[in-house]
Amino acid sequence: MKQLYIKQKVFSLSGKFTVKDQQENDVYYVEGSFMQIPKTFSIMNTTRDEVALITKKVFSFLPIFLVEVNGKEAITIKKELAFFKPRYTIDAVGIEVQGNWWDMDFQIIQHGLVVGTVSKKWFTWGDSYEVQILDEAMEAIIIALVVAIDCVKADQAAAS
């Protein structure tokens, strides 16, 4: 099992932050595009090789976020038409998200087995998440999923 921590900077215009391990070493770097269309977030490993790319689709009636991991489309997050509370669907090949992903407290399940868990840390300056990775082969997908969900939440907050 591997534990990673995501802590976003509160006053970062471009959306730069890091993913750290338990010893507080940088494991992934996340950089958002600033004043660019389409809005993207690039997730890079320690050698600055891109392992995932999150893109907000530009020309769609409702927001759609596409997530590529290692150059292949892996996850799609779509907003559904709803009148009172925002509703989204997460479509990922062979992966389910169970729990309250809107509050960042959920499990990632692949073929009936839990491969990762995410929990939000409260009372911190900025958003902080603890990510437990039970299947290290799924690490890049899990990190990309967490960052993508956070992008969707930030987009919804900006639209409100």
C-alpha atoms as a PDB file:
ATOM      1  CA  MET A   1       0.000   0.000   0.000  1.00  0.00           C
ATOM      2  CA  LYS A   2       1.208   3.472  -0.863  1.00  0.00           C
ATOM      3  CA  GLN A   3      -0.035   6.740   0.613  1.00  0.00           C
ATOM      4  CA  LEU A   4       0.142   9.978  -1.343  1.00  0.00           C
ATOM      5  CA  TYR A   5      -0.944  13.469  -0.364  1.00  0.00           C
ATOM      6  CA  ILE A   6      -2.298  16.214  -2.582  1.00  0.00           C
ATOM      7  CA  LYS A   7      -2.172  19.749  -1.199  1.00  0.00           C
ATOM      8  CA  GLN A   8      -3.180  22.581  -3.442  1.00  0.00           C
ATOM      9  CA  LYS A   9      -1.927  26.099  -3.076  1.00  0.00           C
ATOM     10  CA  VAL A  10      -4.696  28.531  -2.272  1.00  0.00           C
ATOM     11  CA  PHE A  11      -3.411  31.483  -4.289  1.00  0.00           C
ATOM     12  CA  SER A  12      -2.020  29.785  -7.400  1.00  0.00           C
ATOM     13  CA  LEU A  13      -3.359  31.348 -10.608  1.00  0.00           C
ATOM     14  CA  SER A  14      -2.036  28.664 -12.915  1.00  0.00           C
ATOM     15  CA  GLY A  15      -3.060  25.724 -10.740  1.00  0.00           C
ATOM     16  CA  LYS A  16       0.383  24.353  -9.863  1.00  0.00           C
ATOM     17  CA  PHE A  17       0.729  21.887  -7.022  1.00  0.00           C
ATOM     18  CA  THR A  18       2.523  18.678  -6.113  1.00  0.00           C
ATOM     19  CA  VAL A  19       1.612  15.178  -4.967  1.00  0.00           C
ATOM     20  CA  LYS A  20       3.820  14.017  -2.118  1.00  0.00           C
ATOM     21  CA  ASP A  21       4.568  10.699  -0.461  1.00  0.00           C
ATOM     22  CA  GLN A  22       4.643   9.975   3.280  1.00  0.00           C
ATOM     23  CA  GLN A  23       8.188  11.345   3.568  1.00  0.00           C
ATOM     24  CA  GLU A  24       7.017  14.582   1.885  1.00  0.00           C
ATOM     25  CA  ASN A  25       9.011  13.886  -1.279  1.00  0.00           C
ATOM     26  CA  ASP A  26       7.489  15.168  -4.525  1.00  0.00           C
ATOM     27  CA  VAL A  27       6.107  12.258  -6.546  1.00  0.00           C
ATOM     28  CA  TYR A  28       3.981  14.068  -9.156  1.00  0.00           C
ATOM     29  CA  TYR A  29       3.782  17.649 -10.399  1.00  0.00           C
ATOM     30  CA  VAL A  30       0.447  19.066 -11.567  1.00  0.00           C
ATOM     31  CA  GLU A  31       0.387  22.147 -13.775  1.00  0.00           C
ATOM     32  CA  GLY A  32      -2.735  23.806 -15.075  1.00  0.00           C
ATOM     33  CA  SER A  33      -2.848  25.943 -18.169  1.00  0.00           C
ATOM     34  CA  PHE A  34      -3.273  29.631 -17.470  1.00  0.00           C
ATOM     35  CA  MET A  35      -5.472  31.741 -19.759  1.00  0.00           C
ATOM     36  CA  GLN A  36      -5.542  28.984 -22.360  1.00  0.00           C
ATOM     37  CA  ILE A  37      -8.402  27.328 -24.220  1.00  0.00           C
ATOM     38  CA  PRO A  38      -9.051  24.484 -23.709  1.00  0.00           C
ATOM     39  CA  LYS A  39      -8.207  24.419 -20.004  1.00  0.00           C
ATOM     40  CA  THR A  40      -5.807  21.566 -19.300  1.00  0.00           C
ATOM     41  CA  PHE A  41      -3.985  20.041 -16.361  1.00  0.00           C
ATOM     42  CA  SER A  42      -0.817  18.073 -16.953  1.00  0.00           C
ATOM     43  CA  ILE A  43       0.350  15.496 -14.410  1.00  0.00           C
ATOM     44  CA  MET A  44       4.061  14.729 -14.567  1.00  0.00           C
ATOM     45  CA  ASN A  45       6.309  12.296 -12.724  1.00  0.00           C
ATOM     46  CA  THR A  46       9.576  13.190 -10.996  1.00  0.00           C
ATOM     47  CA  THR A  47      11.484  13.277 -14.299  1.00  0.00           C
ATOM     48  CA  ARG A  48       8.832  15.685 -15.656  1.00  0.00           C
ATOM     49  CA  ASP A  49       7.449  13.126 -18.126  1.00  0.00           C
ATOM     50  CA  GLU A  50       3.707  13.584 -18.638  1.00  0.00           C
ATOM     51  CA  VAL A  51       1.755  10.631 -17.258  1.00  0.00           C
ATOM     52  CA  ALA A  52      -1.743  12.123 -17.522  1.00  0.00           C
ATOM     53  CA  LEU A  53      -3.547  15.017 -19.168  1.00  0.00           C
ATOM     54  CA  ILE A  54      -6.933  16.418 -18.145  1.00  0.00           C
ATOM     55  CA  THR A  55      -8.768  18.539 -20.716  1.00  0.00           C
ATOM     56  CA  LYS A  56     -12.038  20.412 -20.391  1.00  0.00           C
ATOM     57  CA  LYS A  57     -13.905  19.977 -23.651  1.00  0.00           C
ATOM     58  CA  VAL A  58     -14.606  23.389 -25.168  1.00  0.00           C
ATOM     59  CA  PHE A  59     -17.631  23.030 -27.408  1.00  0.00           C
ATOM     60  CA  SER A  60     -20.212  21.100 -25.399  1.00  0.00           C
ATOM     61  CA  PHE A  61     -23.579  22.083 -23.965  1.00  0.00           C
ATOM     62  CA  LEU A  62     -22.647  20.779 -20.509  1.00  0.00           C
ATOM     63  CA  PRO A  63     -19.081  20.511 -19.156  1.00  0.00           C
ATOM     64  CA  ILE A  64     -17.096  17.405 -20.111  1.00  0.00           C
ATOM     65  CA  PHE A  65     -13.644  16.569 -18.773  1.00  0.00           C
ATOM     66  CA  LEU A  66     -11.471  14.071 -20.637  1.00  0.00           C
ATOM     67  CA  VAL A  67      -8.617  12.296 -18.872  1.00  0.00           C
ATOM     68  CA  GLU A  68      -5.780  10.648 -20.784  1.00  0.00           C
ATOM     69  CA  VAL A  69      -3.348   8.406 -18.925  1.00  0.00           C
ATOM     70  CA  ASN A  70      -0.137   7.428 -20.718  1.00  0.00           C
ATOM     71  CA  GLY A  71      -1.562   8.795 -23.977  1.00  0.00           C
ATOM     72  CA  LYS A  72      -4.816   6.778 -23.866  1.00  0.00           C
ATOM     73  CA  GLU A  73      -8.251   8.125 -22.984  1.00  0.00           C
ATOM     74  CA  ALA A  74      -9.071   6.539 -19.632  1.00  0.00           C
ATOM     75  CA  ILE A  75     -11.780   8.592 -17.892  1.00  0.00           C
ATOM     76  CA  THR A  76     -14.620  10.907 -18.914  1.00  0.00           C
ATOM     77  CA  ILE A  77     -16.479  13.068 -16.398  1.00  0.00           C
ATOM     78  CA  LYS A  78     -19.721  14.599 -17.700  1.00  0.00           C
ATOM     79  CA  LYS A  79     -22.169  16.984 -16.124  1.00  0.00           C
ATOM     80  CA  GLU A  80     -25.783  15.848 -16.419  1.00  0.00           C
ATOM     81  CA  LEU A  81     -28.775  18.118 -16.852  1.00  0.00           C
ATOM     82  CA  ALA A  82     -30.160  18.676 -13.341  1.00  0.00           C
ATOM     83  CA  PHE A  83     -32.098  21.565 -11.876  1.00  0.00           C
ATOM     84  CA  PHE A  84     -31.368  21.658  -8.156  1.00  0.00           C
ATOM     85  CA  LYS A  85     -28.076  19.909  -7.462  1.00  0.00           C
ATOM     86  CA  PRO A  86     -25.165  19.390  -9.882  1.00  0.00           C
ATOM     87  CA  ARG A  87     -24.929  15.788 -11.103  1.00  0.00           C
ATOM     88  CA  TYR A  88     -21.980  14.240 -12.863  1.00  0.00           C
ATOM     89  CA  THR A  89     -21.184  10.804 -14.234  1.00  0.00           C
ATOM     90  CA  ILE A  90     -17.747   9.231 -14.207  1.00  0.00           C
ATOM     91  CA  ASP A  91     -17.132   6.872 -17.092  1.00  0.00           C
ATOM     92  CA  ALA A  92     -13.920   4.854 -16.818  1.00  0.00           C
ATOM     93  CA  VAL A  93     -13.004   1.547 -18.375  1.00  0.00           C
ATOM     94  CA  GLY A  94     -13.185  -1.142 -15.705  1.00  0.00           C
ATOM     95  CA  ILE A  95     -13.243   1.349 -12.833  1.00  0.00           C
ATOM     96  CA  GLU A  96     -16.037   2.352 -10.475  1.00  0.00           C
ATOM     97  CA  VAL A  97     -16.103   5.181  -7.981  1.00  0.00           C
ATOM     98  CA  GLN A  98     -18.136   4.438  -4.852  1.00  0.00           C
ATOM     99  CA  GLY A  99     -18.808   6.876  -2.064  1.00  0.00           C
ATOM    100  CA  ASN A 100     -19.212  10.616  -1.893  1.00  0.00           C
ATOM    101  CA  TRP A 101     -16.806  11.820  -4.557  1.00  0.00           C
ATOM    102  CA  TRP A 102     -18.236  15.344  -4.416  1.00  0.00           C
ATOM    103  CA  ASP A 103     -16.879  15.612  -0.840  1.00  0.00           C
ATOM    104  CA  MET A 104     -13.710  13.685  -1.831  1.00  0.00           C
ATOM    105  CA  ASP A 105     -14.433  10.641   0.325  1.00  0.00           C
ATOM    106  CA  PHE A 106     -14.606   7.593  -1.939  1.00  0.00           C
ATOM    107  CA  GLN A 107     -13.143   4.279  -3.072  1.00  0.00           C
ATOM    108  CA  ILE A 108     -11.877   3.341  -6.531  1.00  0.00           C
ATOM    109  CA  ILE A 109     -12.899  -0.193  -7.460  1.00  0.00           C
ATOM    110  CA  GLN A 110     -11.613  -2.293 -10.337  1.00  0.00           C
ATOM    111  CA  HIS A 111     -13.241  -5.662 -11.100  1.00  0.00           C
ATOM    112  CA  GLY A 112     -14.837  -5.766  -7.639  1.00  0.00           C
ATOM    113  CA  LEU A 113     -11.606  -5.049  -5.744  1.00  0.00           C
ATOM    114  CA  VAL A 114     -10.743  -1.774  -4.001  1.00  0.00           C
ATOM    115  CA  VAL A 115      -7.578  -0.400  -5.669  1.00  0.00           C
ATOM    116  CA  GLY A 116      -7.551   2.999  -3.952  1.00  0.00           C
ATOM    117  CA  THR A 117      -9.269   5.262  -1.444  1.00  0.00           C
ATOM    118  CA  VAL A 118      -9.460   9.037  -1.216  1.00  0.00           C
ATOM    119  CA  SER A 119     -10.315  11.171   1.798  1.00  0.00           C
ATOM    120  CA  LYS A 120     -10.324  14.910   2.227  1.00  0.00           C
ATOM    121  CA  LYS A 121      -8.384  16.378   5.111  1.00  0.00           C
ATOM    122  CA  TRP A 122     -10.402  18.995   6.962  1.00  0.00           C
ATOM    123  CA  PHE A 123      -9.185  22.168   8.660  1.00  0.00           C
ATOM    124  CA  THR A 124      -6.257  22.709   6.306  1.00  0.00           C
ATOM    125  CA  TRP A 125      -5.202  25.782   4.346  1.00  0.00           C
ATOM    126  CA  GLY A 126      -6.232  24.889   0.808  1.00  0.00           C
ATOM    127  CA  ASP A 127      -7.600  21.562  -0.346  1.00  0.00           C
ATOM    128  CA  SER A 128      -5.714  18.544   0.985  1.00  0.00           C
ATOM    129  CA  TYR A 129      -6.433  14.918   0.091  1.00  0.00           C
ATOM    130  CA  GLU A 130      -4.998  11.641   1.316  1.00  0.00           C
ATOM    131  CA  VAL A 131      -4.854   9.002  -1.416  1.00  0.00           C
ATOM    132  CA  GLN A 132      -4.207   5.372  -0.492  1.00  0.00           C
ATOM    133  CA  ILE A 133      -3.130   3.239  -3.433  1.00  0.00           C
ATOM    134  CA  LEU A 134      -3.653  -0.470  -2.881  1.00  0.00           C
ATOM    135  CA  ASP A 135      -2.737  -1.526  -6.443  1.00  0.00           C
ATOM    136  CA  GLU A 136       0.379   0.391  -7.496  1.00  0.00           C
ATOM    137  CA  ALA A 137      -0.237  -0.467 -11.164  1.00  0.00           C
ATOM    138  CA  MET A 138      -3.271   1.856 -10.941  1.00  0.00           C
ATOM    139  CA  GLU A 139      -1.347   4.763  -9.364  1.00  0.00           C
ATOM    140  CA  ALA A 140      -1.338   7.115 -12.381  1.00  0.00           C
ATOM    141  CA  ILE A 141      -5.031   6.521 -13.094  1.00  0.00           C
ATOM    142  CA  ILE A 142      -6.000   7.092  -9.449  1.00  0.00           C
ATOM    143  CA  ILE A 143      -4.005  10.342  -9.193  1.00  0.00           C
ATOM    144  CA  ALA A 144      -5.456  11.519 -12.529  1.00  0.00           C
ATOM    145  CA  LEU A 145      -8.982  10.697 -11.317  1.00  0.00           C
ATOM    146  CA  VAL A 146      -8.537  12.644  -8.066  1.00  0.00           C
ATOM    147  CA  VAL A 147      -7.115  15.695  -9.868  1.00  0.00           C
ATOM    148  CA  ALA A 148      -9.893  15.505 -12.510  1.00  0.00           C
ATOM    149  CA  ILE A 149     -12.629  15.389  -9.859  1.00  0.00           C
ATOM    150  CA  ASP A 150     -11.027  18.371  -8.145  1.00  0.00           C
ATOM    151  CA  CYS A 151     -11.002  20.212 -11.529  1.00  0.00           C
ATOM    152  CA  VAL A 152     -14.712  19.480 -11.948  1.00  0.00           C
ATOM    153  CA  LYS A 153     -15.424  20.808  -8.456  1.00  0.00           C
ATOM    154  CA  ALA A 154     -13.393  23.981  -9.101  1.00  0.00           C
ATOM    155  CA  ASP A 155     -15.169  24.498 -12.437  1.00  0.00           C
ATOM    156  CA  GLN A 156     -18.573  24.115 -10.749  1.00  0.00           C
ATOM    157  CA  ALA A 157     -17.577  26.568  -7.988  1.00  0.00           C
ATOM    158  CA  ALA A 158     -16.437  29.115 -10.600  1.00  0.00           C
ATOM    159  CA  ALA A 159     -19.717  28.751 -12.481  1.00  0.00           C
ATOM    160  CA  SER A 160     -21.793  29.336  -9.315  1.00  0.00           C
END
